[in-house]
Amino acid sequence: MTDRRAIENFLYLEADFLDRADLDNWILLFSEDGTYWMPASQDQPDPDNFVSHIYDDRVMMEVRRRNFIHPRASSKDWEIRCSHLIGNIRIDNFDDENVYSVSSNQHVVVWYRDEQRVYAYRGTHLLVRGGESFLIRQKRVDLINPVAPQKSLTIYL
């Protein structure tokens, strides 16, 4: 599988951008029709008929990015640090159109407002070939505790 290493490296690149809170480069990893989805319940079938913690298309991602980097944003009052740990990467499906369904387990430690938070989730990426690399058509973040009250999700996971 020649694409396995490239796919793993792509996931690590995405994690690195998020760890450094580099939303400028992170958002460029998404296709124009890309979405970021964090369901609010276990096995949620879709984001349109059910409440989600987050369901952003590229326009909403750009709005969040601008709000995050704005010099007067309240998020600037506190340093944000993240650390992603990625494991159990599986390439579940190869599509004839160069679309890959990739799942992984991820643990993210976030330091924000003098508090450390730990998030664990199963991530599912729909990746499409974009030149020599990939673009994210959809990132789905299935928290292991989606129905638990979540504190402010200041940064994408």
C-alpha atoms as a PDB file:
ATOM      1  CA  MET A   1       0.000   0.000   0.000  1.00  0.00           C
ATOM      2  CA  THR A   2       2.001   2.945  -1.207  1.00  0.00           C
ATOM      3  CA  ASP A   3      -0.508   5.521   0.050  1.00  0.00           C
ATOM      4  CA  ARG A   4      -0.501   4.281   3.664  1.00  0.00           C
ATOM      5  CA  ARG A   5       2.598   6.223   4.682  1.00  0.00           C
ATOM      6  CA  ALA A   6       1.390   9.323   2.822  1.00  0.00           C
ATOM      7  CA  ILE A   7      -1.976   9.133   4.582  1.00  0.00           C
ATOM      8  CA  GLU A   8      -0.332   8.695   7.986  1.00  0.00           C
ATOM      9  CA  ASN A   9       1.977  11.641   7.306  1.00  0.00           C
ATOM     10  CA  PHE A  10      -1.033  13.737   6.284  1.00  0.00           C
ATOM     11  CA  LEU A  11      -2.781  12.975   9.603  1.00  0.00           C
ATOM     12  CA  TYR A  12       0.411  13.867  11.488  1.00  0.00           C
ATOM     13  CA  LEU A  13       0.689  17.135   9.534  1.00  0.00           C
ATOM     14  CA  GLU A  14      -2.891  18.032  10.428  1.00  0.00           C
ATOM     15  CA  ALA A  15      -2.208  17.234  14.096  1.00  0.00           C
ATOM     16  CA  ASP A  16       0.923  19.398  14.015  1.00  0.00           C
ATOM     17  CA  PHE A  17      -1.029  22.389  12.673  1.00  0.00           C
ATOM     18  CA  LEU A  18      -3.635  21.937  15.411  1.00  0.00           C
ATOM     19  CA  ASP A  19      -0.977  21.450  18.110  1.00  0.00           C
ATOM     20  CA  ARG A  20       0.564  24.780  17.100  1.00  0.00           C
ATOM     21  CA  ALA A  21      -2.892  26.408  16.751  1.00  0.00           C
ATOM     22  CA  ASP A  22      -1.956  27.204  13.132  1.00  0.00           C
ATOM     23  CA  LEU A  23      -5.472  27.489  11.767  1.00  0.00           C
ATOM     24  CA  ASP A  24      -4.225  29.402   8.716  1.00  0.00           C
ATOM     25  CA  ASN A  25      -2.462  26.315   7.364  1.00  0.00           C
ATOM     26  CA  TRP A  26      -4.902  23.820   8.893  1.00  0.00           C
ATOM     27  CA  ILE A  27      -7.878  25.206   6.972  1.00  0.00           C
ATOM     28  CA  LEU A  28      -5.923  24.829   3.722  1.00  0.00           C
ATOM     29  CA  LEU A  29      -6.002  21.052   4.255  1.00  0.00           C
ATOM     30  CA  PHE A  30      -9.753  21.066   3.505  1.00  0.00           C
ATOM     31  CA  SER A  31     -11.334  20.863   0.076  1.00  0.00           C
ATOM     32  CA  GLU A  32     -13.684  23.680  -0.927  1.00  0.00           C
ATOM     33  CA  ASP A  33     -16.633  21.444  -0.006  1.00  0.00           C
ATOM     34  CA  GLY A  34     -14.904  20.239   3.172  1.00  0.00           C
ATOM     35  CA  THR A  35     -16.719  19.937   6.495  1.00  0.00           C
ATOM     36  CA  TYR A  36     -15.758  19.437  10.138  1.00  0.00           C
ATOM     37  CA  TRP A  37     -18.335  17.538  12.182  1.00  0.00           C
ATOM     38  CA  MET A  38     -18.464  16.686  15.885  1.00  0.00           C
ATOM     39  CA  PRO A  39     -21.716  14.803  16.653  1.00  0.00           C
ATOM     40  CA  ALA A  40     -23.396  15.339  20.018  1.00  0.00           C
ATOM     41  CA  SER A  41     -24.559  11.742  20.388  1.00  0.00           C
ATOM     42  CA  GLN A  42     -23.216   8.253  19.836  1.00  0.00           C
ATOM     43  CA  ASP A  43     -23.740   6.851  16.314  1.00  0.00           C
ATOM     44  CA  GLN A  44     -25.386  10.056  15.116  1.00  0.00           C
ATOM     45  CA  PRO A  45     -26.470   9.387  11.518  1.00  0.00           C
ATOM     46  CA  ASP A  46     -26.234  12.908  10.105  1.00  0.00           C
ATOM     47  CA  PRO A  47     -25.625  16.539  11.057  1.00  0.00           C
ATOM     48  CA  ASP A  48     -28.741  17.936   9.397  1.00  0.00           C
ATOM     49  CA  ASN A  49     -31.463  16.286  11.476  1.00  0.00           C
ATOM     50  CA  PHE A  50     -29.638  16.099  14.812  1.00  0.00           C
ATOM     51  CA  VAL A  51     -27.872  18.552  17.107  1.00  0.00           C
ATOM     52  CA  SER A  52     -24.078  18.547  16.797  1.00  0.00           C
ATOM     53  CA  HIS A  53     -21.384  20.097  18.943  1.00  0.00           C
ATOM     54  CA  ILE A  54     -19.863  21.454  15.728  1.00  0.00           C
ATOM     55  CA  TYR A  55     -20.815  21.179  12.083  1.00  0.00           C
ATOM     56  CA  ASP A  56     -18.801  23.632  10.029  1.00  0.00           C
ATOM     57  CA  ASP A  57     -18.379  24.045   6.328  1.00  0.00           C
ATOM     58  CA  ARG A  58     -15.456  26.039   4.902  1.00  0.00           C
ATOM     59  CA  VAL A  59     -17.271  29.353   5.441  1.00  0.00           C
ATOM     60  CA  MET A  60     -17.855  28.648   9.150  1.00  0.00           C
ATOM     61  CA  MET A  61     -14.299  27.349   9.552  1.00  0.00           C
ATOM     62  CA  GLU A  62     -13.044  30.611   8.109  1.00  0.00           C
ATOM     63  CA  VAL A  63     -15.261  32.633  10.489  1.00  0.00           C
ATOM     64  CA  ARG A  64     -13.949  30.661  13.485  1.00  0.00           C
ATOM     65  CA  ARG A  65     -10.370  31.031  12.229  1.00  0.00           C
ATOM     66  CA  ARG A  66     -10.749  34.808  11.898  1.00  0.00           C
ATOM     67  CA  ASN A  67     -12.318  35.074  15.348  1.00  0.00           C
ATOM     68  CA  PHE A  68      -9.548  32.937  16.825  1.00  0.00           C
ATOM     69  CA  ILE A  69      -6.689  35.027  15.397  1.00  0.00           C
ATOM     70  CA  HIS A  70      -8.276  38.458  15.820  1.00  0.00           C
ATOM     71  CA  PRO A  71      -6.026  40.575  18.082  1.00  0.00           C
ATOM     72  CA  ARG A  72      -8.936  41.489  20.367  1.00  0.00           C
ATOM     73  CA  ALA A  73     -10.374  37.974  20.562  1.00  0.00           C
ATOM     74  CA  SER A  74     -10.953  36.754  24.082  1.00  0.00           C
ATOM     75  CA  SER A  75      -9.089  33.576  23.158  1.00  0.00           C
ATOM     76  CA  LYS A  76      -5.931  35.706  22.978  1.00  0.00           C
ATOM     77  CA  ASP A  77      -6.160  36.368  26.721  1.00  0.00           C
ATOM     78  CA  TRP A  78      -5.083  32.786  27.396  1.00  0.00           C
ATOM     79  CA  GLU A  79      -2.384  30.661  25.837  1.00  0.00           C
ATOM     80  CA  ILE A  80      -3.644  27.533  24.088  1.00  0.00           C
ATOM     81  CA  ARG A  81      -1.430  24.489  23.790  1.00  0.00           C
ATOM     82  CA  CYS A  82      -2.392  21.105  22.374  1.00  0.00           C
ATOM     83  CA  SER A  83      -0.848  17.690  22.000  1.00  0.00           C
ATOM     84  CA  HIS A  84      -2.344  15.076  19.680  1.00  0.00           C
ATOM     85  CA  LEU A  85      -1.596  11.377  19.942  1.00  0.00           C
ATOM     86  CA  ILE A  86      -2.788   9.353  16.950  1.00  0.00           C
ATOM     87  CA  GLY A  87      -3.082   5.597  16.827  1.00  0.00           C
ATOM     88  CA  ASN A  88      -4.865   2.670  15.241  1.00  0.00           C
ATOM     89  CA  ILE A  89      -4.908   4.307  11.808  1.00  0.00           C
ATOM     90  CA  ARG A  90      -6.993   2.268   9.402  1.00  0.00           C
ATOM     91  CA  ILE A  91      -7.642   2.855   5.764  1.00  0.00           C
ATOM     92  CA  ASP A  92     -11.153   1.485   5.630  1.00  0.00           C
ATOM     93  CA  ASN A  93     -12.035   2.008   2.013  1.00  0.00           C
ATOM     94  CA  PHE A  94     -10.346   2.807  -1.258  1.00  0.00           C
ATOM     95  CA  ASP A  95     -12.718   4.435  -3.693  1.00  0.00           C
ATOM     96  CA  ASP A  96     -12.244   4.331  -7.459  1.00  0.00           C
ATOM     97  CA  GLU A  97     -12.225   8.140  -7.480  1.00  0.00           C
ATOM     98  CA  ASN A  98      -9.189   8.413  -5.185  1.00  0.00           C
ATOM     99  CA  VAL A  99     -11.352   8.960  -2.121  1.00  0.00           C
ATOM    100  CA  TYR A 100     -10.032   7.336   1.042  1.00  0.00           C
ATOM    101  CA  SER A 101     -11.957   6.689   4.246  1.00  0.00           C
ATOM    102  CA  VAL A 102      -9.451   6.785   7.087  1.00  0.00           C
ATOM    103  CA  SER A 103     -10.244   6.179  10.738  1.00  0.00           C
ATOM    104  CA  SER A 104      -7.993   6.681  13.737  1.00  0.00           C
ATOM    105  CA  ASN A 105      -8.127   6.912  17.491  1.00  0.00           C
ATOM    106  CA  GLN A 106      -6.918  10.226  18.844  1.00  0.00           C
ATOM    107  CA  HIS A 107      -6.225  11.573  22.289  1.00  0.00           C
ATOM    108  CA  VAL A 108      -5.828  15.324  22.587  1.00  0.00           C
ATOM    109  CA  VAL A 109      -4.587  17.191  25.622  1.00  0.00           C
ATOM    110  CA  VAL A 110      -5.516  20.873  25.597  1.00  0.00           C
ATOM    111  CA  TRP A 111      -4.052  23.470  27.975  1.00  0.00           C
ATOM    112  CA  TYR A 112      -6.315  26.520  28.125  1.00  0.00           C
ATOM    113  CA  ARG A 113      -7.291  28.988  30.862  1.00  0.00           C
ATOM    114  CA  ASP A 114      -4.851  27.388  33.308  1.00  0.00           C
ATOM    115  CA  GLU A 115      -6.650  24.066  32.943  1.00  0.00           C
ATOM    116  CA  GLN A 116      -5.716  20.831  31.227  1.00  0.00           C
ATOM    117  CA  ARG A 117      -8.469  18.997  29.372  1.00  0.00           C
ATOM    118  CA  VAL A 118      -8.308  15.582  27.777  1.00  0.00           C
ATOM    119  CA  TYR A 119     -10.412  14.583  24.784  1.00  0.00           C
ATOM    120  CA  ALA A 120     -10.509  11.117  23.259  1.00  0.00           C
ATOM    121  CA  TYR A 121     -12.251  10.320  20.020  1.00  0.00           C
ATOM    122  CA  ARG A 122     -12.472   8.206  16.938  1.00  0.00           C
ATOM    123  CA  GLY A 123     -11.705  10.357  13.947  1.00  0.00           C
ATOM    124  CA  THR A 124     -12.925   9.604  10.463  1.00  0.00           C
ATOM    125  CA  HIS A 125     -11.440  11.495   7.546  1.00  0.00           C
ATOM    126  CA  LEU A 126     -12.714  11.372   4.005  1.00  0.00           C
ATOM    127  CA  LEU A 127      -9.619  12.255   2.029  1.00  0.00           C
ATOM    128  CA  VAL A 128      -9.437  13.099  -1.657  1.00  0.00           C
ATOM    129  CA  ARG A 129      -6.301  13.280  -3.732  1.00  0.00           C
ATOM    130  CA  GLY A 130      -5.135  16.885  -4.085  1.00  0.00           C
ATOM    131  CA  GLY A 131      -2.034  16.953  -6.246  1.00  0.00           C
ATOM    132  CA  GLU A 132       0.733  15.060  -4.499  1.00  0.00           C
ATOM    133  CA  SER A 133      -1.081  15.052  -1.163  1.00  0.00           C
ATOM    134  CA  PHE A 134      -4.656  14.943   0.086  1.00  0.00           C
ATOM    135  CA  LEU A 135      -7.501  17.271   0.975  1.00  0.00           C
ATOM    136  CA  ILE A 136     -10.078  16.662   3.687  1.00  0.00           C
ATOM    137  CA  ARG A 137     -13.614  16.399   2.340  1.00  0.00           C
ATOM    138  CA  GLN A 138     -14.989  15.596   5.782  1.00  0.00           C
ATOM    139  CA  LYS A 139     -13.526  15.223   9.249  1.00  0.00           C
ATOM    140  CA  ARG A 140     -15.819  13.541  11.743  1.00  0.00           C
ATOM    141  CA  VAL A 141     -14.853  13.643  15.426  1.00  0.00           C
ATOM    142  CA  ASP A 142     -16.769  11.065  17.483  1.00  0.00           C
ATOM    143  CA  LEU A 143     -15.963  11.848  21.110  1.00  0.00           C
ATOM    144  CA  ILE A 144     -16.009   8.852  23.441  1.00  0.00           C
ATOM    145  CA  ASN A 145     -18.321  10.891  25.699  1.00  0.00           C
ATOM    146  CA  PRO A 146     -20.407  12.979  23.279  1.00  0.00           C
ATOM    147  CA  VAL A 147     -23.418  13.426  25.579  1.00  0.00           C
ATOM    148  CA  ALA A 148     -21.321  14.709  28.509  1.00  0.00           C
ATOM    149  CA  PRO A 149     -21.310  18.467  29.064  1.00  0.00           C
ATOM    150  CA  GLN A 150     -18.392  19.919  27.129  1.00  0.00           C
ATOM    151  CA  LYS A 151     -16.548  23.023  28.220  1.00  0.00           C
ATOM    152  CA  SER A 152     -15.872  25.621  25.575  1.00  0.00           C
ATOM    153  CA  LEU A 153     -14.240  23.956  22.585  1.00  0.00           C
ATOM    154  CA  THR A 154     -11.852  26.779  21.816  1.00  0.00           C
ATOM    155  CA  ILE A 155      -9.889  25.001  19.123  1.00  0.00           C
ATOM    156  CA  TYR A 156     -10.665  22.276  16.665  1.00  0.00           C
ATOM    157  CA  LEU A 157      -9.577  18.794  17.809  1.00  0.00           C
END
